[in-house]
Amino acid sequence: MNYCSGRGGWALQCPKMFLVEFMSDPSQVEHHGVTRGSGARDSVLTWVVPLQGPEAQASQRFQRLLGALGGLARNGVEVVLELDPSSDAGRSTYLRQSIADAGFRLIERRRGLDVAASLRSVLAEVKSGDVFLLGADVDFSGGWIDRMQAAARSGVRVGAVVPFSSDRGPFGVPAVMQVEEFTGLFSAAAANINAGASCEVPIGFGSCLLITRRCLDSLDSADFSVLDRSDGAGLCFQIVTPGLASLLACDAFALHQQKGGGHGLLEAPTPIVGIGAEGSGEYAVALNQWLLLDPIRAPRIALSLEAIRSTGLPIVLQVLHRIGGGVERHVQELVRVSSARVWNLVMRPMIGAQGVCISLGGGEWCDRLQFQLPGESKEMLLFLQAMGVCRIHVHHTLGFPPSVWGVLHELGLEFDLTLHDYSIIQGSPTLTGRQGRYIGASEPLGAYEMANVEQAELLRMLSSRASRCLVPSEDMRRRLQNALPSLSCDCRPHPDREVFGAYPSPAAPELSREEPLRILCLGALGREKGVEVLRDVARLANGKRMPFQFMLLGSAHVPLGCAVLSLGKYADVELASLIEQHRPHVVWFPVLCPETWSYTLSAALEAGLPVLASSIGAFPERLQGRPYTWLLPYSASVQDWLAKLEEVRACLRDSGGRRLPWRQEELLPFYRECYASNLPTQSSCLGALSLSFLQVHGVPLWSVAGQGGWRRKLLRLVLRARGWAPLVGLLAYVPYNVQRRIKRLISTEPLH
């Protein structure tokens, strides 16, 4: 599940809320994780739980809470609900009757109050004990509320207490979110590994918040605000009280059951918004600096490791480069489809240093440990052994220090190797020559651009020892076996097919006689991807005033001129909506080298759009038998492409928007069902990892390290300067291969 940014702003609809006071029957209260004590003032706990949304949602949440409380209302617990009488829920006879049947007391919302003001008024009415403020549906089992209360009693200056949670935010635990059925293990893991531990934090923030009596007595001076997030996770509370501390109860973990509350892979950290006092901007800056320092990483990583151990799942180490692209996406999807059967750790080389970082889950923002190599080889080996890693999967070798392969070999484990490009042949990923054009797989070393003998030899060594050598297409398997007859490969299509399912049958978009044919190219286009073909075809069509509109969603490595409309870059999660927004009639892939899979082709197939492509690499086999699909040889001339585009326009114009069936071969769900079969369970020696070890090797969750570096910044500057008008003409006289070599001196990363 992907997470939205949470920039939904303040809630426009006043929430409905109820208030629960535990005032009798201590045994019943204690059974549900709330310690009441002997009836002293400070032992009373009041629950304040907003109910919001339409009638059906409010009623469902009300019933869910009743079940969680186990009928405490019928044992003398007072429940007060506040409803907005003008809302759907407030006008609901059914909901009002349910409230009355439960013995709860109903309060009508006062008009003119926003969310924060309404909640503040409810908090002010609580005259004794602490308040548990709950903005989302959570699992109350495991006694974690007890542990929050214990943290509140640990110091006289405590104003608010928060737990770790499956919610996104500063106290979320990203590693938890791989598999929903295992998130419940984190409550027990927190109690086991962080027993009695708490940390002072700058703010009481989250959907679960314990507000102490001391804070309630000083409520007038407290900064209190409420955020209604747009991602479906409900309300989030923020409170800071001068002179009082906020604590994180490290041994408490709240599992959010609400959709959008936290399951899935965390892709980015939650930004912290300033709260409502003067100078809140400076406070927000200071708070985000605290997040970057991440002083709570040790107990959070300890919690994650304990929970991973508790799952009992086999642990696989995924090894890949750090430069993103198709390899990164493949690993993310592999993690997603196999997560019910294995727990995946992900190892990447460190940027600008001789070492590696190992993430505790598949998400980019998961916690990770760093190891400088070769100096910390023993520590890295200890960590992987203690984690119980039972298999290794190598996806790429680029960027790793040589010593890493000795450490992995010392583990003595079987491993898989996926070849994502052709680097095993002379180290050339695309089999292109120095002019950026495809030259085949049997040329001498000096003929290839980016030739890397060391990388090719390493890949050949790994392929000879791998239990499985996987490639994504039959075309790639044939090319590799023709060049390296001793290489044995299994063809396994990338898991995006398993994630998406069968592609829709393509439809011809409506195209009138006067309307230009909208032609869309996708991705980061270099010469081998056909950027110059796009430029030349568009330029000639524009000169002839042909009814074509060329668009590029992505980036170009050479200036394209005014004949191509640049739509800008994109993130993978945005691509489907952007394609729909720009409404192309056909998606064009003028590639000049054999693609091994092509995720941009996957995007076009998932959109059900007509496709025009070069008949090289994986394209012919992936497009076999597909209607509204046209192929040309990769060596086709500009005139050939223009003629084919005229044919496409005529076909679509006469098709009248019809959808034609596409019979696709049934796909074996290899990554979902077969990938992790017959793996041994993890060894249980994880206890060898101490907190001191984690504090030495822990890396901040929201680390600024690895987000740039001088080479990447210089590369971005050069790319921006290349589009400067006075330089465009000059660049035309610089040979393409010279431009590529200059770029390679700056960075080996792809031009995205």
Foldseek 3Di string as FASTA:
>chain_A
DEADQQVPFFDPDAWKKKKKKPQDDQVLCVVLLQHQPDRDQASIEMEIETQDDAQVRSQVVVVLVCVSSVLVLVVVIEMEMEDACVGNNNVDPVNVVVCVVSVYHYDYDDPPDGHFRRVLVVLLPDDTHKYKAAWFAWRSPLSLVVLQVVVQPPDPQAFKEDEQELAFALRDAQLLQQDLVLNVLLLVLQCVQVPPDKDWAQKQKFRIMMGGPVCSVQVVQKQKDWRQTPQFQGIMIIIDHPRHIYMYSSNGYIYGPTVSRHHDGYADHHQDAFTDDPPSVVVSVVNVVCLQVPPVQLSSVSSSLSSLLVVLAAEEEEEDEDQDDPLLVLQLLLSNLAVVHYFYKYWYAFPPAAWIWIFRHSHPLGWIFIDHPPVCLVVVLVQCQLSQHAEYEYEADPPHDPCVVVSVVVVVHAYEYEDQADCLQQHARFCAALQLFHDARPDDNNGHPRGDNVRNVVVVVCQVRHPAYEFAAPQVVVRVCVNPVVGDHDHAHRCVCVVLPDFAFAWQDADAPPAAAEEEEEEEDDVQQPLVLLLVLLVVCVVVVHRHQAEYAYHYPADRPPSYHYPYYDDPVCLLVVCVVVPGREYEGLGRTARRHDVVVVSCRNNRHAYEYEPHHRVCVVCPQGPNYYYDHSPDDSVRVNVVVVVSSVVSNVRRGDGDDGDDDDHDSCSNPPPSPPTRGGDNSNVVDDSVNCVVGIRRSNHPRPPADPLRVVLVVVSVVSPPVVNNVVVVPPRPSNVVVVNVVSHPHDDD
